[in-house]
């Protein structure tokens, strides 16, 4: 099940990098979207619709250094 979900994430154009990790979380996914509204839509449409996703942290609960940040277009890295 993990490899299938990892493959699904890797195919999403918004996913910049996907890491399988141990601990409370199974995945860390870095995404590049133009604004917070698109991040919300990505989480709701692409993540929460999957049966493998039980939960994901709410943005307000993330530490300051893990909060989403905006970067100029084309500067979001590569896979």
PDB file of N, CA and C in Angstrom:
ATOM      1  N   UNK A   1       0.826  -1.195   0.000  1.00  0.00           N
ATOM      2  CA  UNK A   1       0.000   0.000   0.000  1.00  0.00           C
ATOM      3  C   UNK A   1       0.866   1.253   0.000  1.00  0.00           C
ATOM      4  N   UNK A   2       1.994   1.232   0.713  1.00  0.00           N
ATOM      5  CA  UNK A   2       2.862   2.403   0.769  1.00  0.00           C
ATOM      6  C   UNK A   2       3.455   2.700  -0.602  1.00  0.00           C
ATOM      7  N   UNK A   3       3.921   1.684  -1.308  1.00  0.00           N
ATOM      8  CA  UNK A   3       4.544   1.920  -2.613  1.00  0.00           C
ATOM      9  C   UNK A   3       3.528   2.459  -3.625  1.00  0.00           C
ATOM     10  N   UNK A   4       2.288   2.011  -3.555  1.00  0.00           N
ATOM     11  CA  UNK A   4       1.255   2.526  -4.446  1.00  0.00           C
ATOM     12  C   UNK A   4       0.957   3.986  -4.192  1.00  0.00           C
ATOM     13  N   UNK A   5       0.883   4.358  -2.925  1.00  0.00           N
ATOM     14  CA  UNK A   5       0.617   5.758  -2.588  1.00  0.00           C
ATOM     15  C   UNK A   5       1.820   6.626  -2.946  1.00  0.00           C
ATOM     16  N   UNK A   6       3.015   6.107  -2.722  1.00  0.00           N
ATOM     17  CA  UNK A   6       4.230   6.846  -3.086  1.00  0.00           C
ATOM     18  C   UNK A   6       4.253   7.099  -4.595  1.00  0.00           C
ATOM     19  N   UNK A   7       3.903   6.091  -5.376  1.00  0.00           N
ATOM     20  CA  UNK A   7       3.857   6.253  -6.830  1.00  0.00           C
ATOM     21  C   UNK A   7       2.804   7.278  -7.237  1.00  0.00           C
ATOM     22  N   UNK A   8       1.642   7.243  -6.578  1.00  0.00           N
ATOM     23  CA  UNK A   8       0.585   8.227  -6.843  1.00  0.00           C
ATOM     24  C   UNK A   8       1.109   9.642  -6.600  1.00  0.00           C
ATOM     25  N   UNK A   9       1.770   9.849  -5.459  1.00  0.00           N
ATOM     26  CA  UNK A   9       2.291  11.174  -5.126  1.00  0.00           C
ATOM     27  C   UNK A   9       3.339  11.635  -6.123  1.00  0.00           C
ATOM     28  N   UNK A  10       4.209  10.730  -6.525  1.00  0.00           N
ATOM     29  CA  UNK A  10       5.294  11.085  -7.442  1.00  0.00           C
ATOM     30  C   UNK A  10       4.767  11.551  -8.802  1.00  0.00           C
ATOM     31  N   UNK A  11       3.572  11.136  -9.162  1.00  0.00           N
ATOM     32  CA  UNK A  11       2.986  11.528 -10.439  1.00  0.00           C
ATOM     33  C   UNK A  11       2.285  12.880 -10.387  1.00  0.00           C
ATOM     34  N   UNK A  12       2.036  13.404  -9.213  1.00  0.00           N
ATOM     35  CA  UNK A  12       1.337  14.681  -9.102  1.00  0.00           C
ATOM     36  C   UNK A  12       2.268  15.822  -9.489  1.00  0.00           C
ATOM     37  N   UNK A  13       1.834  16.710 -10.365  1.00  0.00           N
ATOM     38  CA  UNK A  13       2.714  17.799 -10.795  1.00  0.00           C
ATOM     39  C   UNK A  13       3.102  18.741  -9.656  1.00  0.00           C
ATOM     40  N   UNK A  14       2.276  18.839  -8.625  1.00  0.00           N
ATOM     41  CA  UNK A  14       2.580  19.727  -7.497  1.00  0.00           C
ATOM     42  C   UNK A  14       3.633  19.143  -6.561  1.00  0.00           C
ATOM     43  N   UNK A  15       3.830  17.840  -6.592  1.00  0.00           N
ATOM     44  CA  UNK A  15       4.764  17.184  -5.675  1.00  0.00           C
ATOM     45  C   UNK A  15       6.198  17.389  -6.167  1.00  0.00           C
ATOM     46  N   UNK A  16       6.972  18.097  -5.374  1.00  0.00           N
ATOM     47  CA  UNK A  16       8.365  18.367  -5.705  1.00  0.00           C
ATOM     48  C   UNK A  16       9.238  17.217  -5.225  1.00  0.00           C
ATOM     49  N   UNK A  17       8.945  16.706  -4.032  1.00  0.00           N
ATOM     50  CA  UNK A  17       9.681  15.561  -3.498  1.00  0.00           C
ATOM     51  C   UNK A  17       8.789  14.787  -2.542  1.00  0.00           C
ATOM     52  N   UNK A  18       9.048  13.485  -2.458  1.00  0.00           N
ATOM     53  CA  UNK A  18       8.270  12.581  -1.615  1.00  0.00           C
ATOM     54  C   UNK A  18       9.250  11.739  -0.814  1.00  0.00           C
ATOM     55  N   UNK A  19       9.077  11.712   0.504  1.00  0.00           N
ATOM     56  CA  UNK A  19       9.938  10.930   1.386  1.00  0.00           C
ATOM     57  C   UNK A  19       9.093   9.970   2.204  1.00  0.00           C
ATOM     58  N   UNK A  20       9.483   8.720   2.235  1.00  0.00           N
ATOM     59  CA  UNK A  20       8.856   7.741   3.122  1.00  0.00           C
ATOM     60  C   UNK A  20       9.674   7.769   4.404  1.00  0.00           C
ATOM     61  N   UNK A  21       8.999   7.996   5.530  1.00  0.00           N
ATOM     62  CA  UNK A  21       9.685   8.158   6.814  1.00  0.00           C
ATOM     63  C   UNK A  21       9.074   7.230   7.856  1.00  0.00           C
ATOM     64  N   UNK A  22       9.769   7.093   8.970  1.00  0.00           N
ATOM     65  CA  UNK A  22       9.227   6.305  10.079  1.00  0.00           C
ATOM     66  C   UNK A  22       8.731   7.258  11.156  1.00  0.00           C
ATOM     67  N   UNK A  23       8.049   6.721  12.129  1.00  0.00           N
ATOM     68  CA  UNK A  23       7.506   7.544  13.201  1.00  0.00           C
ATOM     69  C   UNK A  23       6.012   7.718  13.040  1.00  0.00           C
ATOM     70  N   UNK A  24       5.499   8.828  13.547  1.00  0.00           N
ATOM     71  CA  UNK A  24       4.060   9.079  13.496  1.00  0.00           C
ATOM     72  C   UNK A  24       3.556   9.297  12.070  1.00  0.00           C
ATOM     73  N   UNK A  25       4.406   9.819  11.207  1.00  0.00           N
ATOM     74  CA  UNK A  25       4.028  10.079   9.822  1.00  0.00           C
ATOM     75  C   UNK A  25       4.673   9.045   8.916  1.00  0.00           C
ATOM     76  N   UNK A  26       3.995   8.700   7.840  1.00  0.00           N
ATOM     77  CA  UNK A  26       4.551   7.761   6.872  1.00  0.00           C
ATOM     78  C   UNK A  26       5.252   8.477   5.722  1.00  0.00           C
ATOM     79  N   UNK A  27       4.796   9.682   5.415  1.00  0.00           N
ATOM     80  CA  UNK A  27       5.326  10.432   4.284  1.00  0.00           C
ATOM     81  C   UNK A  27       5.562  11.881   4.658  1.00  0.00           C
ATOM     82  N   UNK A  28       6.558  12.471   4.030  1.00  0.00           N
ATOM     83  CA  UNK A  28       6.745  13.910   4.009  1.00  0.00           C
ATOM     84  C   UNK A  28       6.723  14.276   2.535  1.00  0.00           C
ATOM     85  N   UNK A  29       5.830  15.169   2.169  1.00  0.00           N
ATOM     86  CA  UNK A  29       5.667  15.550   0.773  1.00  0.00           C
ATOM     87  C   UNK A  29       5.882  17.045   0.663  1.00  0.00           C
ATOM     88  N   UNK A  30       6.831  17.437  -0.176  1.00  0.00           N
ATOM     89  CA  UNK A  30       7.058  18.856  -0.465  1.00  0.00           C
ATOM     90  C   UNK A  30       6.295  19.171  -1.742  1.00  0.00           C
ATOM     91  N   UNK A  31       5.463  20.192  -1.676  1.00  0.00           N
ATOM     92  CA  UNK A  31       4.679  20.574  -2.847  1.00  0.00           C
ATOM     93  C   UNK A  31       4.966  22.025  -3.215  1.00  0.00           C
ATOM     94  N   UNK A  32       4.766  22.323  -4.475  1.00  0.00           N
ATOM     95  CA  UNK A  32       4.905  23.690  -4.969  1.00  0.00           C
ATOM     96  C   UNK A  32       3.579  24.110  -5.585  1.00  0.00           C
ATOM     97  N   UNK A  33       2.963  25.088  -4.966  1.00  0.00           N
ATOM     98  CA  UNK A  33       1.706  25.651  -5.450  1.00  0.00           C
ATOM     99  C   UNK A  33       1.815  27.169  -5.351  1.00  0.00           C
ATOM    100  N   UNK A  34       1.050  27.887  -6.156  1.00  0.00           N
ATOM    101  CA  UNK A  34       1.215  29.340  -6.198  1.00  0.00           C
ATOM    102  C   UNK A  34       0.677  30.111  -4.990  1.00  0.00           C
ATOM    103  N   UNK A  35      -0.260  29.530  -4.245  1.00  0.00           N
ATOM    104  CA  UNK A  35      -0.817  30.279  -3.122  1.00  0.00           C
ATOM    105  C   UNK A  35      -1.458  29.315  -2.116  1.00  0.00           C
ATOM    106  N   UNK A  36      -1.853  29.855  -0.991  1.00  0.00           N
ATOM    107  CA  UNK A  36      -2.398  29.052   0.103  1.00  0.00           C
ATOM    108  C   UNK A  36      -3.728  28.409  -0.285  1.00  0.00           C
ATOM    109  N   UNK A  37      -4.502  29.087  -1.123  1.00  0.00           N
ATOM    110  CA  UNK A  37      -5.773  28.520  -1.568  1.00  0.00           C
ATOM    111  C   UNK A  37      -5.543  27.256  -2.395  1.00  0.00           C
ATOM    112  N   UNK A  38      -4.528  27.282  -3.238  1.00  0.00           N
ATOM    113  CA  UNK A  38      -4.216  26.100  -4.043  1.00  0.00           C
ATOM    114  C   UNK A  38      -3.635  24.988  -3.179  1.00  0.00           C
ATOM    115  N   UNK A  39      -2.909  25.351  -2.121  1.00  0.00           N
ATOM    116  CA  UNK A  39      -2.420  24.331  -1.198  1.00  0.00           C
ATOM    117  C   UNK A  39      -3.602  23.645  -0.524  1.00  0.00           C
ATOM    118  N   UNK A  40      -4.556  24.429  -0.073  1.00  0.00           N
ATOM    119  CA  UNK A  40      -5.754  23.864   0.557  1.00  0.00           C
ATOM    120  C   UNK A  40      -6.489  22.950  -0.418  1.00  0.00           C
ATOM    121  N   UNK A  41      -6.659  23.408  -1.649  1.00  0.00           N
ATOM    122  CA  UNK A  41      -7.339  22.593  -2.653  1.00  0.00           C
ATOM    123  C   UNK A  41      -6.564  21.299  -2.921  1.00  0.00           C
ATOM    124  N   UNK A  42      -5.246  21.391  -2.989  1.00  0.00           N
ATOM    125  CA  UNK A  42      -4.416  20.206  -3.194  1.00  0.00           C
ATOM    126  C   UNK A  42      -4.633  19.206  -2.068  1.00  0.00           C
ATOM    127  N   UNK A  43      -4.593  19.674  -0.846  1.00  0.00           N
ATOM    128  CA  UNK A  43      -4.779  18.783   0.301  1.00  0.00           C
ATOM    129  C   UNK A  43      -6.163  18.148   0.304  1.00  0.00           C
ATOM    130  N   UNK A  44      -7.175  18.938   0.021  1.00  0.00           N
ATOM    131  CA  UNK A  44      -8.538  18.421   0.038  1.00  0.00           C
ATOM    132  C   UNK A  44      -8.824  17.502  -1.147  1.00  0.00           C
ATOM    133  N   UNK A  45      -8.405  17.907  -2.330  1.00  0.00           N
ATOM    134  CA  UNK A  45      -8.748  17.156  -3.542  1.00  0.00           C
ATOM    135  C   UNK A  45      -7.841  15.958  -3.785  1.00  0.00           C
ATOM    136  N   UNK A  46      -6.554  16.119  -3.530  1.00  0.00           N
ATOM    137  CA  UNK A  46      -5.599  15.076  -3.892  1.00  0.00           C
ATOM    138  C   UNK A  46      -5.240  14.173  -2.715  1.00  0.00           C
ATOM    139  N   UNK A  47      -5.252  14.715  -1.498  1.00  0.00           N
ATOM    140  CA  UNK A  47      -4.858  13.918  -0.335  1.00  0.00           C
ATOM    141  C   UNK A  47      -6.045  13.285   0.363  1.00  0.00           C
ATOM    142  N   UNK A  48      -6.981  14.108   0.808  1.00  0.00           N
ATOM    143  CA  UNK A  48      -8.046  13.583   1.661  1.00  0.00           C
ATOM    144  C   UNK A  48      -8.962  12.619   0.917  1.00  0.00           C
ATOM    145  N   UNK A  49      -8.949  12.655  -0.400  1.00  0.00           N
ATOM    146  CA  UNK A  49      -9.771  11.731  -1.174  1.00  0.00           C
ATOM    147  C   UNK A  49      -9.191  10.312  -1.183  1.00  0.00           C
ATOM    148  N   UNK A  50      -7.940  10.174  -0.791  1.00  0.00           N
ATOM    149  CA  UNK A  50      -7.286   8.860  -0.806  1.00  0.00           C
ATOM    150  C   UNK A  50      -7.552   8.108   0.486  1.00  0.00           C
ATOM    151  N   UNK A  51      -7.857   6.823   0.380  1.00  0.00           N
ATOM    152  CA  UNK A  51      -8.153   6.026   1.581  1.00  0.00           C
ATOM    153  C   UNK A  51      -6.929   5.818   2.451  1.00  0.00           C
ATOM    154  N   UNK A  52      -5.724   5.945   1.876  1.00  0.00           N
ATOM    155  CA  UNK A  52      -4.501   5.780   2.663  1.00  0.00           C
ATOM    156  C   UNK A  52      -4.265   6.933   3.635  1.00  0.00           C
ATOM    157  N   UNK A  53      -4.890   8.064   3.380  1.00  0.00           N
ATOM    158  CA  UNK A  53      -4.666   9.261   4.207  1.00  0.00           C
ATOM    159  C   UNK A  53      -5.641   9.264   5.374  1.00  0.00           C
ATOM    160  N   UNK A  54      -5.092   9.170   6.559  1.00  0.00           N
ATOM    161  CA  UNK A  54      -5.903   9.221   7.770  1.00  0.00           C
ATOM    162  C   UNK A  54      -6.017  10.669   8.238  1.00  0.00           C
ATOM    163  N   UNK A  55      -4.904  11.391   8.173  1.00  0.00           N
ATOM    164  CA  UNK A  55      -4.898  12.797   8.574  1.00  0.00           C
ATOM    165  C   UNK A  55      -3.637  13.461   8.050  1.00  0.00           C
ATOM    166  N   UNK A  56      -3.632  14.765   8.100  1.00  0.00           N
ATOM    167  CA  UNK A  56      -2.428  15.536   7.836  1.00  0.00           C
ATOM    168  C   UNK A  56      -2.479  16.749   8.745  1.00  0.00           C
ATOM    169  N   UNK A  57      -1.305  17.301   9.108  1.00  0.00           N
ATOM    170  CA  UNK A  57      -1.314  18.400  10.072  1.00  0.00           C
ATOM    171  C   UNK A  57      -2.012  19.627   9.514  1.00  0.00           C
ATOM    172  N   UNK A  58      -2.707  20.313  10.367  1.00  0.00           N
ATOM    173  CA  UNK A  58      -3.317  21.577   9.985  1.00  0.00           C
ATOM    174  C   UNK A  58      -2.220  22.628   9.904  1.00  0.00           C
ATOM    175  N   UNK A  59      -2.321  23.526   8.954  1.00  0.00           N
ATOM    176  CA  UNK A  59      -1.280  24.533   8.772  1.00  0.00           C
ATOM    177  C   UNK A  59      -1.033  25.334  10.042  1.00  0.00           C
ATOM    178  N   UNK A  60      -2.083  25.653  10.756  1.00  0.00           N
ATOM    179  CA  UNK A  60      -1.924  26.464  11.972  1.00  0.00           C
ATOM    180  C   UNK A  60      -1.169  25.715  13.068  1.00  0.00           C
ATOM    181  N   UNK A  61      -1.109  24.373  12.984  1.00  0.00           N
ATOM    182  CA  UNK A  61      -0.435  23.572  13.999  1.00  0.00           C
ATOM    183  C   UNK A  61       1.046  23.352  13.701  1.00  0.00           C
ATOM    184  N   UNK A  62       1.494  23.753  12.514  1.00  0.00           N
ATOM    185  CA  UNK A  62       2.891  23.541  12.157  1.00  0.00           C
ATOM    186  C   UNK A  62       3.784  24.572  12.836  1.00  0.00           C
ATOM    187  N   UNK A  63       4.997  24.179  13.235  1.00  0.00           N
ATOM    188  CA  UNK A  63       5.948  25.154  13.775  1.00  0.00           C
ATOM    189  C   UNK A  63       6.265  26.212  12.716  1.00  0.00           C
ATOM    190  N   UNK A  64       6.720  27.362  13.141  1.00  0.00           N
ATOM    191  CA  UNK A  64       6.985  28.479  12.224  1.00  0.00           C
ATOM    192  C   UNK A  64       7.930  28.099  11.093  1.00  0.00           C
ATOM    193  N   UNK A  65       8.946  27.291  11.385  1.00  0.00           N
ATOM    194  CA  UNK A  65       9.905  26.937  10.334  1.00  0.00           C
ATOM    195  C   UNK A  65       9.348  25.919   9.341  1.00  0.00           C
ATOM    196  N   UNK A  66       8.175  25.377   9.596  1.00  0.00           N
ATOM    197  CA  UNK A  66       7.539  24.429   8.668  1.00  0.00           C
ATOM    198  C   UNK A  66       6.310  25.027   7.989  1.00  0.00           C
ATOM    199  N   UNK A  67       6.025  26.294   8.250  1.00  0.00           N
ATOM    200  CA  UNK A  67       4.889  26.946   7.616  1.00  0.00           C
ATOM    201  C   UNK A  67       5.143  27.090   6.120  1.00  0.00           C
ATOM    202  N   UNK A  68       4.092  27.038   5.307  1.00  0.00           N
ATOM    203  CA  UNK A  68       4.265  27.238   3.869  1.00  0.00           C
ATOM    204  C   UNK A  68       4.869  28.599   3.586  1.00  0.00           C
ATOM    205  N   UNK A  69       5.690  28.653   2.581  1.00  0.00           N
ATOM    206  CA  UNK A  69       6.268  29.931   2.171  1.00  0.00           C
ATOM    207  C   UNK A  69       6.089  30.075   0.676  1.00  0.00           C
ATOM    208  N   UNK A  70       6.045  31.295   0.230  1.00  0.00           N
ATOM    209  CA  UNK A  70       5.913  31.520  -1.199  1.00  0.00           C
ATOM    210  C   UNK A  70       7.293  31.815  -1.770  1.00  0.00           C
ATOM    211  N   UNK A  71       7.514  31.323  -2.962  1.00  0.00           N
ATOM    212  CA  UNK A  71       8.765  31.551  -3.666  1.00  0.00           C
ATOM    213  C   UNK A  71       8.432  32.038  -5.061  1.00  0.00           C
ATOM    214  N   UNK A  72       9.349  32.767  -5.672  1.00  0.00           N
ATOM    215  CA  UNK A  72       9.082  33.233  -7.038  1.00  0.00           C
ATOM    216  C   UNK A  72       8.829  32.068  -7.979  1.00  0.00           C
ATOM    217  N   UNK A  73       7.987  32.247  -8.999  1.00  0.00           N
ATOM    218  CA  UNK A  73       7.725  31.173  -9.952  1.00  0.00           C
ATOM    219  C   UNK A  73       9.026  30.625 -10.538  1.00  0.00           C
ATOM    220  N   UNK A  74       9.071  29.310 -10.719  1.00  0.00           N
ATOM    221  CA  UNK A  74      10.238  28.678 -11.293  1.00  0.00           C
ATOM    222  C   UNK A  74      11.366  28.421 -10.315  1.00  0.00           C
ATOM    223  N   UNK A  75      11.193  28.748  -9.048  1.00  0.00           N
ATOM    224  CA  UNK A  75      12.261  28.600  -8.065  1.00  0.00           C
ATOM    225  C   UNK A  75      11.947  27.529  -7.050  1.00  0.00           C
ATOM    226  N   UNK A  76      11.057  26.584  -7.342  1.00  0.00           N
ATOM    227  CA  UNK A  76      10.601  25.612  -6.362  1.00  0.00           C
ATOM    228  C   UNK A  76      11.367  24.295  -6.379  1.00  0.00           C
ATOM    229  N   UNK A  77      12.479  24.211  -7.075  1.00  0.00           N
ATOM    230  CA  UNK A  77      13.277  22.989  -7.039  1.00  0.00           C
ATOM    231  C   UNK A  77      12.794  21.959  -8.043  1.00  0.00           C
ATOM    232  N   UNK A  78      13.384  20.774  -7.934  1.00  0.00           N
ATOM    233  CA  UNK A  78      13.040  19.694  -8.842  1.00  0.00           C
ATOM    234  C   UNK A  78      12.862  18.411  -8.073  1.00  0.00           C
ATOM    235  N   UNK A  79      12.311  17.414  -8.759  1.00  0.00           N
ATOM    236  CA  UNK A  79      12.150  16.099  -8.141  1.00  0.00           C
ATOM    237  C   UNK A  79      13.446  15.376  -8.092  1.00  0.00           C
TER     238      UNK A  79
END
